[in-house]
Protein backbone atom coordinates (compact mmCIF):
# COMPACT_ATOMS: atom_id res chain seq x y z
CA UNK A 1 -25.60 -20.54 21.61
CA UNK A 2 -27.18 -18.08 19.19
CA UNK A 3 -26.81 -18.40 15.39
CA UNK A 4 -27.26 -15.40 13.12
CA UNK A 5 -26.19 -13.54 10.02
CA UNK A 6 -23.21 -11.36 10.75
CA UNK A 7 -23.53 -7.64 11.33
CA UNK A 8 -20.86 -5.42 9.69
CA UNK A 9 -20.24 -3.98 13.16
CA UNK A 10 -18.81 -7.41 14.07
CA UNK A 11 -16.07 -7.26 11.42
CA UNK A 12 -13.22 -6.70 13.88
CA UNK A 13 -14.34 -9.52 16.17
CA UNK A 14 -14.80 -11.92 13.24
CA UNK A 15 -11.34 -11.06 11.91
CA UNK A 16 -9.84 -11.68 15.36
CA UNK A 17 -11.64 -15.04 15.63
CA UNK A 18 -10.05 -16.22 12.37
CA UNK A 19 -6.61 -14.90 13.37
CA UNK A 20 -6.79 -16.70 16.74
CA UNK A 21 -8.21 -19.95 15.39
CA UNK A 22 -5.74 -20.27 12.52
CA UNK A 23 -2.80 -19.02 14.63
CA UNK A 24 -3.56 -21.72 17.20
CA UNK A 25 -3.53 -24.46 14.55
CA UNK A 26 -1.21 -23.14 11.83
CA UNK A 27 0.98 -20.49 13.43
CA UNK A 28 0.74 -16.72 13.76
CA UNK A 29 1.64 -15.86 10.15
CA UNK A 30 -1.05 -18.18 8.77
CA UNK A 31 -3.56 -16.75 11.23
CA UNK A 32 -2.76 -13.24 10.03
CA UNK A 33 -3.20 -14.26 6.37
CA UNK A 34 -6.59 -15.84 6.99
CA UNK A 35 -7.71 -12.99 9.25
CA UNK A 36 -6.84 -10.42 6.57
CA UNK A 37 -8.59 -12.54 3.94
CA UNK A 38 -11.75 -12.51 6.04
CA UNK A 39 -11.52 -8.77 6.54
CA UNK A 40 -11.11 -8.33 2.78
CA UNK A 41 -14.23 -10.47 2.22
CA UNK A 42 -16.23 -8.32 4.62
CA UNK A 43 -14.95 -4.96 3.41
CA UNK A 44 -14.91 -5.43 -0.33
CA UNK A 45 -17.13 -8.27 -1.56
CA UNK A 46 -20.47 -7.22 -3.00
CA UNK A 47 -23.20 -7.99 -0.44
CA UNK A 48 -25.03 -10.11 -3.05
CA UNK A 49 -21.95 -12.32 -3.41
CA UNK A 50 -21.23 -12.95 0.27
CA UNK A 51 -23.01 -14.68 3.14
CA UNK A 52 -21.39 -14.73 6.57
CA UNK A 53 -22.91 -16.44 9.59
CA UNK A 54 -21.83 -16.39 13.21
CA UNK A 55 -22.33 -18.37 16.39
CA UNK A 56 -22.29 -16.41 19.63
CA UNK A 57 -22.25 -17.38 23.26
CA UNK A 58 -22.43 -14.84 26.07
CA UNK A 59 -22.40 -12.15 23.35
CA UNK A 60 -18.99 -13.33 22.10
CA UNK A 61 -18.46 -14.74 18.60
CA UNK A 62 -17.30 -18.35 18.88
CA UNK A 63 -17.71 -19.44 15.25
CA UNK A 64 -18.06 -18.00 11.79
CA UNK A 65 -18.49 -19.29 8.24
CA UNK A 66 -18.35 -17.59 4.87
CA UNK A 67 -20.03 -18.49 1.60
CA UNK A 68 -18.98 -16.58 -1.53
CA UNK A 69 -20.60 -16.77 -4.92
CA UNK A 70 -19.12 -19.13 -7.47
CA UNK A 71 -20.17 -18.17 -10.96
CA UNK A 72 -21.09 -20.67 -13.66
CA UNK A 73 -21.74 -19.57 -17.22
CA UNK A 74 -25.04 -21.47 -17.02
CA UNK A 75 -26.32 -19.04 -14.37
CA UNK A 76 -26.90 -21.56 -11.56
CA UNK A 77 -27.10 -19.76 -8.20
CA UNK A 78 -24.19 -21.34 -6.30
CA UNK A 79 -21.96 -20.46 -3.36
CA UNK A 80 -18.71 -21.97 -2.09
CA UNK A 81 -18.03 -22.40 1.61
CA UNK A 82 -14.72 -21.03 2.87
CA UNK A 83 -13.30 -20.16 5.30
CA UNK A 84 -14.68 -21.61 8.52
CA UNK A 85 -13.48 -20.91 12.08
CA UNK A 86 -14.52 -22.10 15.52
CA UNK A 87 -12.87 -20.67 18.61
CA UNK A 88 -10.36 -23.21 19.88
CA UNK A 89 -12.15 -23.51 23.23
CA UNK A 90 -15.40 -24.50 21.46
CA UNK A 91 -14.11 -27.08 18.99
CA UNK A 92 -15.59 -30.56 19.16
CA UNK A 93 -18.85 -29.29 20.70
CA UNK A 94 -21.05 -29.27 17.58
CA UNK A 95 -20.73 -25.54 16.94
CA UNK A 96 -19.48 -26.07 13.38
CA UNK A 97 -22.25 -28.46 12.37
CA UNK A 98 -24.97 -26.24 13.84
CA UNK A 99 -23.52 -23.16 12.17
CA UNK A 100 -23.21 -24.94 8.81
CA UNK A 101 -26.78 -26.22 8.97
CA UNK A 102 -27.97 -22.71 9.84
CA UNK A 103 -26.02 -21.19 6.96
CA UNK A 104 -27.21 -23.79 4.45
CA UNK A 105 -30.82 -23.22 5.49
CA UNK A 106 -30.39 -19.46 5.05
CA UNK A 107 -28.85 -19.96 1.60
CA UNK A 108 -31.76 -22.18 0.58
CA UNK A 109 -34.25 -19.57 1.81
CA UNK A 110 -32.41 -17.00 -0.34
CA UNK A 111 -32.80 -19.07 -3.51
CA UNK A 112 -29.32 -20.58 -3.65
CA UNK A 113 -29.45 -23.83 -5.60
CA UNK A 114 -26.02 -25.35 -4.95
CA UNK A 115 -23.52 -25.24 -2.08
CA UNK A 116 -19.94 -26.35 -2.74
CA UNK A 117 -16.90 -26.82 -0.55
CA UNK A 118 -13.42 -28.29 -0.71
CA UNK A 119 -12.61 -30.17 2.45
CA UNK A 120 -12.79 -33.33 4.50
CA UNK A 121 -15.62 -35.55 3.22
CA UNK A 122 -15.91 -37.22 6.64
CA UNK A 123 -16.80 -33.91 8.28
CA UNK A 124 -18.85 -32.22 5.58
CA UNK A 125 -20.94 -35.33 4.88
CA UNK A 126 -22.44 -34.81 8.35
CA UNK A 127 -24.15 -31.67 7.03
CA UNK A 128 -25.27 -33.07 3.67
CA UNK A 129 -22.29 -32.61 1.36
CA UNK A 130 -21.30 -35.43 -1.00
CA UNK A 131 -18.15 -36.02 -3.00
CA UNK A 132 -18.54 -34.90 -6.61
CA UNK A 133 -16.24 -34.93 -9.60
CA UNK A 134 -15.09 -32.01 -11.66
CA UNK A 135 -17.08 -33.53 -14.51
CA UNK A 136 -20.23 -32.88 -12.48
CA UNK A 137 -19.26 -29.46 -11.09
CA UNK A 138 -16.18 -27.84 -12.65
CA UNK A 139 -13.78 -26.27 -10.15
CA UNK A 140 -12.47 -22.78 -10.83
CA UNK A 141 -8.91 -24.01 -10.24
CA UNK A 142 -7.03 -27.30 -10.48
CA UNK A 143 -7.76 -29.53 -7.48
CA UNK A 144 -4.81 -31.28 -5.87
CA UNK A 145 -7.12 -33.50 -3.82
CA UNK A 146 -10.22 -34.07 -5.98
CA UNK A 147 -11.74 -36.37 -3.35
CA UNK A 148 -12.29 -33.23 -1.29
CA UNK A 149 -14.52 -31.54 -3.92
CA UNK A 150 -17.97 -31.64 -2.33
CA UNK A 151 -21.42 -30.25 -3.04
CA UNK A 152 -25.05 -30.46 -2.11
CA UNK A 153 -28.20 -29.43 -3.87
CA UNK A 154 -30.27 -26.96 -1.88
CA UNK A 155 -33.34 -27.51 -4.05
CA UNK A 156 -33.69 -31.21 -3.32
CA UNK A 157 -32.67 -32.41 -6.76
CA UNK A 158 -29.77 -34.63 -7.69
CA UNK A 159 -26.87 -32.50 -8.83
CA UNK A 160 -26.97 -32.42 -12.60
CA UNK A 161 -23.64 -32.06 -14.42
CA UNK A 162 -22.72 -28.47 -15.13
CA UNK A 163 -20.96 -28.41 -18.50
CA UNK A 164 -19.62 -24.86 -18.30
CA UNK A 165 -16.64 -23.15 -16.68
CA UNK A 166 -16.75 -21.59 -13.23
CA UNK A 167 -14.95 -18.76 -11.50
CA UNK A 168 -15.01 -17.17 -8.07
CA UNK A 169 -16.31 -13.67 -7.50
CA UNK A 170 -13.92 -10.75 -7.50
CA UNK A 171 -13.40 -8.63 -4.44
CA UNK A 172 -10.97 -6.18 -3.01
CA UNK A 173 -7.52 -5.52 -4.31
CA UNK A 174 -6.76 -9.20 -4.67
CA UNK A 175 -8.85 -9.92 -7.77
CA UNK A 176 -10.46 -13.34 -7.56
CA UNK A 177 -11.88 -14.93 -4.46
CA UNK A 178 -9.54 -16.59 -2.01
CA UNK A 179 -12.12 -19.27 -1.28
CA UNK A 180 -10.72 -22.13 -3.30
CA UNK A 181 -7.02 -21.35 -2.73
CA UNK A 182 -7.62 -21.25 1.03
CA UNK A 183 -9.52 -24.54 0.95
CA UNK A 184 -6.88 -26.04 -1.37
CA UNK A 185 -4.12 -25.18 1.09
CA UNK A 186 -6.11 -26.56 4.03
CA UNK A 187 -7.02 -29.83 2.33
CA UNK A 188 -3.45 -30.46 1.22
CA UNK A 189 -2.42 -30.28 4.88
CA UNK A 190 -5.27 -32.26 6.41
CA UNK A 191 -7.18 -34.47 4.03
CA UNK A 192 -5.06 -37.48 3.23
């Protein structure tokens, strides 16, 4: 398996991976929504506000993750993870963990201080995320499952409370980032 930063030439294949993965688990209409979201990320998010990483095997993309900038008035350099897809045939084989570790290392090397996600603490704790409260890191939207609000410092420090508002980057015709709404929908289905 090879891990790398995505190439814009891979946009169609990445979109199809998300459509297939989410269609297999959530149904065709959900797969189409997530696939189009991913395509919107790729096509219209400023390159400084988006990091996408892929896992390939036999020159075929088998996994992909996206990090989009989350903006805090304090200026901390932070990104939120969402969405994530692993080809159905490759789930349960460590692809996700390896891809996440690769992506987090790349973010750290690019000066990102904080990585955030909204998901299953049992899974994301395996790659260094810890449960946080909204008093420590304010969410850009109301959290239905606050126990799924997770973060990790990429500079080795304890996460200090951030006492300012946050918002997701804007992209495409949709306005604000889909990152948190997508994670919110997923966690409501799977976390508790």
